[in-house]
Amino acid sequence: MQGRKGLSEQSMPSPSVITDKCTKDNKCVAVCQRKNIHPREDEADYANVKQLFINPKRCLACGSCISVCEHKAIYPLDELPEDMKHFAEINAAYFRKPKAGSAKSSAPLNPAQAPA
């Protein structure tokens, strides 16, 4: 099966994942080509989260964020240490929108709300 840019799914780069080592220094935000790392300092929930998140559906897997993270908080999905694999779901959950008619808040999820 062919993936994006004609690469097989096996050889496609995997999206990056931010873990709880994140200090919110925002260096990754500055280098992200897709502006895909949230929340940003000017977004309402910035003060309410302990870390930043990468949307796995929009990540180009370019590695720019990984290279600037001095705290080693960002990994390619396929290189996440076993004890940090749950952060892939935490990052993805932050970007999920509640379904219409849902009783859930429309605010993005924070790590405490994401399933482990």
N, C-alpha and C. Protein backbone atom coordinates (compact mmCIF):
# COMPACT_ATOMS: atom_id res chain seq x y z
N MET A 1 0.85 -1.18 0.00
CA MET A 1 0.00 0.00 0.00
C MET A 1 0.89 1.24 0.00
N GLN A 2 0.55 2.22 -0.80
CA GLN A 2 1.34 3.44 -0.91
C GLN A 2 0.85 4.50 0.08
N GLY A 3 1.78 5.19 0.72
CA GLY A 3 1.45 6.27 1.63
C GLY A 3 1.71 7.60 0.97
N ARG A 4 1.88 8.66 1.76
CA ARG A 4 2.11 9.98 1.19
C ARG A 4 3.45 10.01 0.46
N LYS A 5 3.51 10.80 -0.59
CA LYS A 5 4.69 10.98 -1.41
C LYS A 5 5.23 9.68 -1.97
N GLY A 6 4.36 8.68 -2.17
CA GLY A 6 4.77 7.43 -2.79
C GLY A 6 5.57 6.49 -1.90
N LEU A 7 5.72 6.80 -0.65
CA LEU A 7 6.45 5.93 0.26
C LEU A 7 5.53 4.83 0.76
N SER A 8 6.07 3.67 0.99
CA SER A 8 5.24 2.61 1.58
C SER A 8 4.94 3.01 3.01
N GLU A 9 3.86 2.48 3.57
CA GLU A 9 3.50 2.84 4.94
C GLU A 9 4.60 2.47 5.91
N GLN A 10 5.32 1.38 5.64
CA GLN A 10 6.40 0.98 6.53
C GLN A 10 7.52 2.00 6.57
N SER A 11 7.83 2.64 5.45
CA SER A 11 8.95 3.55 5.41
C SER A 11 8.56 5.00 5.68
N MET A 12 7.26 5.26 5.89
CA MET A 12 6.83 6.63 6.18
C MET A 12 7.36 7.06 7.53
N PRO A 13 7.87 8.30 7.63
CA PRO A 13 8.32 8.78 8.94
C PRO A 13 7.13 8.87 9.89
N SER A 14 7.39 8.65 11.16
CA SER A 14 6.30 8.69 12.12
C SER A 14 6.23 10.07 12.76
N PRO A 15 5.02 10.49 13.15
CA PRO A 15 4.86 11.81 13.77
C PRO A 15 5.61 11.89 15.10
N SER A 16 5.90 13.11 15.49
CA SER A 16 6.57 13.33 16.76
C SER A 16 5.54 13.38 17.89
N VAL A 17 6.02 13.06 19.09
CA VAL A 17 5.18 13.02 20.29
C VAL A 17 5.89 13.77 21.41
N ILE A 18 5.17 14.65 22.09
CA ILE A 18 5.73 15.37 23.23
C ILE A 18 5.36 14.62 24.51
N THR A 19 6.33 14.47 25.40
CA THR A 19 6.13 13.76 26.67
C THR A 19 6.08 14.76 27.83
N ASP A 20 5.94 14.22 29.03
CA ASP A 20 5.84 15.06 30.23
C ASP A 20 7.16 15.70 30.64
N LYS A 21 8.23 15.47 29.89
CA LYS A 21 9.49 16.18 30.15
C LYS A 21 9.43 17.61 29.62
N CYS A 22 8.36 17.94 28.91
CA CYS A 22 8.17 19.25 28.30
C CYS A 22 8.16 20.35 29.37
N THR A 23 8.90 21.41 29.11
CA THR A 23 8.95 22.55 30.03
C THR A 23 8.22 23.77 29.47
N LYS A 24 7.59 23.62 28.31
CA LYS A 24 6.87 24.71 27.66
C LYS A 24 7.79 25.91 27.39
N ASP A 25 9.03 25.64 26.96
CA ASP A 25 9.92 26.75 26.60
C ASP A 25 9.61 27.29 25.21
N ASN A 26 8.75 26.61 24.47
CA ASN A 26 8.23 27.06 23.18
C ASN A 26 9.24 27.09 22.04
N LYS A 27 10.42 26.52 22.22
CA LYS A 27 11.38 26.47 21.12
C LYS A 27 10.85 25.61 19.98
N CYS A 28 10.14 24.55 20.32
CA CYS A 28 9.56 23.68 19.29
C CYS A 28 8.47 24.40 18.52
N VAL A 29 7.71 25.22 19.20
CA VAL A 29 6.64 25.99 18.56
C VAL A 29 7.23 26.89 17.48
N ALA A 30 8.35 27.50 17.78
CA ALA A 30 8.98 28.44 16.86
C ALA A 30 9.47 27.77 15.57
N VAL A 31 9.85 26.50 15.63
CA VAL A 31 10.42 25.84 14.45
C VAL A 31 9.43 24.95 13.69
N CYS A 32 8.24 24.76 14.22
CA CYS A 32 7.27 23.87 13.58
C CYS A 32 6.74 24.50 12.28
N GLN A 33 7.02 23.84 11.17
CA GLN A 33 6.62 24.35 9.85
C GLN A 33 5.10 24.41 9.68
N ARG A 34 4.38 23.51 10.33
CA ARG A 34 2.93 23.44 10.18
C ARG A 34 2.18 24.20 11.27
N LYS A 35 2.90 24.81 12.19
CA LYS A 35 2.26 25.48 13.34
C LYS A 35 1.32 24.50 14.03
N ASN A 36 1.87 23.34 14.31
CA ASN A 36 1.12 22.17 14.74
C ASN A 36 1.28 21.86 16.22
N ILE A 37 2.02 22.66 16.95
CA ILE A 37 2.26 22.40 18.37
C ILE A 37 1.43 23.39 19.18
N HIS A 38 0.62 22.84 20.07
CA HIS A 38 -0.31 23.66 20.86
C HIS A 38 -0.36 23.17 22.29
N PRO A 39 -0.91 23.95 23.21
CA PRO A 39 -1.40 25.29 22.98
C PRO A 39 -0.24 26.28 22.87
N ARG A 40 -0.48 27.35 22.16
CA ARG A 40 0.48 28.44 22.06
C ARG A 40 0.24 29.38 23.23
N GLU A 41 1.22 30.21 23.50
CA GLU A 41 1.11 31.11 24.65
C GLU A 41 -0.12 32.01 24.59
N ASP A 42 -0.60 32.33 23.41
CA ASP A 42 -1.75 33.22 23.29
C ASP A 42 -3.09 32.48 23.26
N GLU A 43 -3.07 31.16 23.45
CA GLU A 43 -4.30 30.38 23.47
C GLU A 43 -4.80 30.22 24.91
N ALA A 44 -6.10 30.18 25.04
CA ALA A 44 -6.75 30.21 26.35
C ALA A 44 -6.27 29.13 27.31
N ASP A 45 -6.03 27.92 26.84
CA ASP A 45 -5.70 26.84 27.77
C ASP A 45 -4.21 26.68 28.05
N TYR A 46 -3.37 27.58 27.55
CA TYR A 46 -1.92 27.47 27.74
C TYR A 46 -1.54 27.34 29.22
N ALA A 47 -2.09 28.16 30.06
CA ALA A 47 -1.75 28.15 31.48
C ALA A 47 -2.29 26.92 32.20
N ASN A 48 -3.27 26.24 31.60
CA ASN A 48 -3.92 25.11 32.26
C ASN A 48 -3.30 23.76 31.95
N VAL A 49 -2.33 23.70 31.06
CA VAL A 49 -1.71 22.42 30.71
C VAL A 49 -0.27 22.40 31.18
N LYS A 50 0.22 21.20 31.47
CA LYS A 50 1.58 21.04 31.97
C LYS A 50 2.59 20.86 30.85
N GLN A 51 2.10 20.57 29.64
CA GLN A 51 3.01 20.34 28.52
C GLN A 51 2.35 20.79 27.23
N LEU A 52 3.13 20.81 26.15
CA LEU A 52 2.60 21.11 24.82
C LEU A 52 2.28 19.79 24.12
N PHE A 53 1.56 19.88 22.99
CA PHE A 53 1.09 18.68 22.29
C PHE A 53 1.27 18.84 20.78
N ILE A 54 1.52 17.74 20.10
CA ILE A 54 1.64 17.72 18.64
C ILE A 54 0.47 16.94 18.07
N ASN A 55 -0.19 17.52 17.07
CA ASN A 55 -1.29 16.84 16.39
C ASN A 55 -0.69 15.80 15.44
N PRO A 56 -0.88 14.52 15.72
CA PRO A 56 -0.26 13.48 14.90
C PRO A 56 -0.79 13.44 13.46
N LYS A 57 -1.98 13.96 13.24
CA LYS A 57 -2.55 13.95 11.88
C LYS A 57 -1.95 15.03 11.00
N ARG A 58 -1.33 16.03 11.59
CA ARG A 58 -0.75 17.14 10.82
C ARG A 58 0.77 17.17 10.84
N CYS A 59 1.38 16.36 11.67
CA CYS A 59 2.84 16.37 11.82
C CYS A 59 3.52 15.90 10.54
N LEU A 60 4.51 16.66 10.07
CA LEU A 60 5.29 16.29 8.89
C LEU A 60 6.42 15.32 9.21
N ALA A 61 6.68 15.09 10.48
CA ALA A 61 7.77 14.23 10.92
C ALA A 61 9.12 14.74 10.41
N CYS A 62 9.27 16.05 10.38
CA CYS A 62 10.52 16.65 9.87
C CYS A 62 11.64 16.59 10.90
N GLY A 63 11.28 16.49 12.19
CA GLY A 63 12.28 16.40 13.25
C GLY A 63 12.78 17.73 13.77
N SER A 64 12.29 18.83 13.24
CA SER A 64 12.75 20.15 13.69
C SER A 64 12.51 20.35 15.18
N CYS A 65 11.34 19.95 15.65
CA CYS A 65 11.02 20.12 17.07
C CYS A 65 11.93 19.27 17.96
N ILE A 66 12.23 18.08 17.49
CA ILE A 66 13.10 17.18 18.26
C ILE A 66 14.48 17.79 18.42
N SER A 67 15.00 18.36 17.35
CA SER A 67 16.36 18.90 17.38
C SER A 67 16.52 20.12 18.28
N VAL A 68 15.46 20.89 18.50
CA VAL A 68 15.58 22.08 19.35
C VAL A 68 15.19 21.82 20.80
N CYS A 69 14.65 20.67 21.10
CA CYS A 69 14.19 20.39 22.47
C CYS A 69 15.38 20.01 23.35
N GLU A 70 15.78 20.93 24.20
CA GLU A 70 16.92 20.70 25.09
C GLU A 70 16.60 19.72 26.22
N HIS A 71 15.32 19.46 26.44
CA HIS A 71 14.91 18.60 27.55
C HIS A 71 14.62 17.17 27.13
N LYS A 72 14.85 16.88 25.85
CA LYS A 72 14.62 15.52 25.31
C LYS A 72 13.19 15.06 25.60
N ALA A 73 12.24 15.98 25.40
CA ALA A 73 10.84 15.69 25.67
C ALA A 73 10.08 15.21 24.44
N ILE A 74 10.70 15.27 23.26
CA ILE A 74 10.01 14.95 22.01
C ILE A 74 10.69 13.77 21.33
N TYR A 75 9.87 12.81 20.91
CA TYR A 75 10.35 11.59 20.25
C TYR A 75 9.55 11.33 18.98
N PRO A 76 10.18 10.67 18.01
CA PRO A 76 9.36 10.13 16.92
C PRO A 76 8.48 9.03 17.53
N LEU A 77 7.26 8.90 17.06
CA LEU A 77 6.33 7.91 17.60
C LEU A 77 6.95 6.52 17.68
N ASP A 78 7.65 6.11 16.65
CA ASP A 78 8.21 4.75 16.62
C ASP A 78 9.46 4.59 17.47
N GLU A 79 9.90 5.66 18.14
CA GLU A 79 11.06 5.57 19.04
C GLU A 79 10.70 5.91 20.49
N LEU A 80 9.42 6.04 20.77
CA LEU A 80 9.01 6.33 22.15
C LEU A 80 9.43 5.19 23.07
N PRO A 81 10.07 5.49 24.20
CA PRO A 81 10.38 4.44 25.16
C PRO A 81 9.09 3.77 25.63
N GLU A 82 9.17 2.53 25.97
CA GLU A 82 7.98 1.75 26.36
C GLU A 82 7.18 2.44 27.46
N ASP A 83 7.86 3.01 28.45
CA ASP A 83 7.15 3.64 29.56
C ASP A 83 6.56 5.01 29.21
N MET A 84 6.75 5.45 27.95
CA MET A 84 6.20 6.74 27.51
C MET A 84 5.23 6.58 26.35
N LYS A 85 4.92 5.37 25.96
CA LYS A 85 4.05 5.14 24.80
C LYS A 85 2.67 5.77 24.98
N HIS A 86 2.19 5.89 26.21
CA HIS A 86 0.87 6.48 26.44
C HIS A 86 0.81 7.95 26.04
N PHE A 87 1.96 8.61 25.88
CA PHE A 87 1.94 10.01 25.46
C PHE A 87 1.50 10.19 24.01
N ALA A 88 1.57 9.16 23.21
CA ALA A 88 1.05 9.25 21.84
C ALA A 88 -0.46 9.49 21.90
N GLU A 89 -1.15 8.77 22.75
CA GLU A 89 -2.60 8.96 22.91
C GLU A 89 -2.91 10.29 23.57
N ILE A 90 -2.11 10.70 24.52
CA ILE A 90 -2.34 11.99 25.20
C ILE A 90 -2.22 13.13 24.20
N ASN A 91 -1.21 13.09 23.33
CA ASN A 91 -1.06 14.13 22.31
C ASN A 91 -2.26 14.12 21.37
N ALA A 92 -2.65 12.96 20.87
CA ALA A 92 -3.79 12.86 19.95
C ALA A 92 -5.08 13.31 20.61
N ALA A 93 -5.29 12.93 21.86
CA ALA A 93 -6.53 13.26 22.57
C ALA A 93 -6.69 14.77 22.74
N TYR A 94 -5.60 15.48 22.89
CA TYR A 94 -5.68 16.93 23.05
C TYR A 94 -6.39 17.60 21.87
N PHE A 95 -6.26 17.02 20.68
CA PHE A 95 -6.80 17.62 19.47
C PHE A 95 -8.17 17.09 19.06
N ARG A 96 -8.71 16.13 19.78
CA ARG A 96 -10.02 15.60 19.43
C ARG A 96 -11.12 16.59 19.78
N LYS A 97 -12.03 16.72 18.87
CA LYS A 97 -13.20 17.57 19.10
C LYS A 97 -14.34 16.69 19.57
N PRO A 98 -15.13 17.14 20.55
CA PRO A 98 -16.27 16.34 20.96
C PRO A 98 -17.30 16.26 19.84
N LYS A 99 -17.99 15.16 19.77
CA LYS A 99 -19.02 14.98 18.74
C LYS A 99 -20.21 15.88 19.04
N ALA A 100 -20.92 16.27 17.99
CA ALA A 100 -22.12 17.11 18.14
C ALA A 100 -23.10 16.44 19.10
N GLY A 101 -23.64 17.21 20.00
CA GLY A 101 -24.61 16.68 20.95
C GLY A 101 -23.95 16.06 22.18
N SER A 102 -22.64 16.06 22.21
CA SER A 102 -21.93 15.49 23.34
C SER A 102 -22.04 16.42 24.54
N ALA A 103 -22.06 15.84 25.72
CA ALA A 103 -22.12 16.65 26.94
C ALA A 103 -20.75 17.18 27.31
N LYS A 104 -19.70 16.70 26.62
CA LYS A 104 -18.34 17.14 26.94
C LYS A 104 -18.14 18.60 26.56
N SER A 105 -17.19 19.22 27.21
CA SER A 105 -16.82 20.59 26.90
C SER A 105 -16.19 20.65 25.52
N SER A 106 -16.28 21.79 24.87
CA SER A 106 -15.64 21.95 23.57
C SER A 106 -14.17 22.28 23.70
N ALA A 107 -13.69 22.48 24.92
CA ALA A 107 -12.27 22.78 25.12
C ALA A 107 -11.44 21.53 24.85
N PRO A 108 -10.21 21.72 24.33
CA PRO A 108 -9.34 20.57 24.10
C PRO A 108 -9.05 19.84 25.40
N LEU A 109 -8.75 18.57 25.30
CA LEU A 109 -8.44 17.78 26.47
C LEU A 109 -7.07 18.15 27.00
N ASN A 110 -6.88 18.02 28.29
CA ASN A 110 -5.55 18.17 28.85
C ASN A 110 -5.07 16.78 29.27
N PRO A 111 -3.79 16.60 29.59
CA PRO A 111 -3.28 15.25 29.88
C PRO A 111 -4.02 14.54 31.01
N ALA A 112 -4.52 15.28 31.96
CA ALA A 112 -5.23 14.65 33.07
C ALA A 112 -6.54 14.04 32.60
N GLN A 113 -7.10 14.54 31.50
CA GLN A 113 -8.37 14.03 30.98
C GLN A 113 -8.16 12.91 29.97
N ALA A 114 -6.95 12.78 29.44
CA ALA A 114 -6.69 11.80 28.39
C ALA A 114 -6.56 10.40 29.00
N PRO A 115 -7.04 9.39 28.30
CA PRO A 115 -6.89 8.03 28.80
C PRO A 115 -5.43 7.61 28.82
N ALA A 116 -5.04 6.83 29.78
CA ALA A 116 -3.65 6.39 29.89
C ALA A 116 -3.40 5.14 29.09
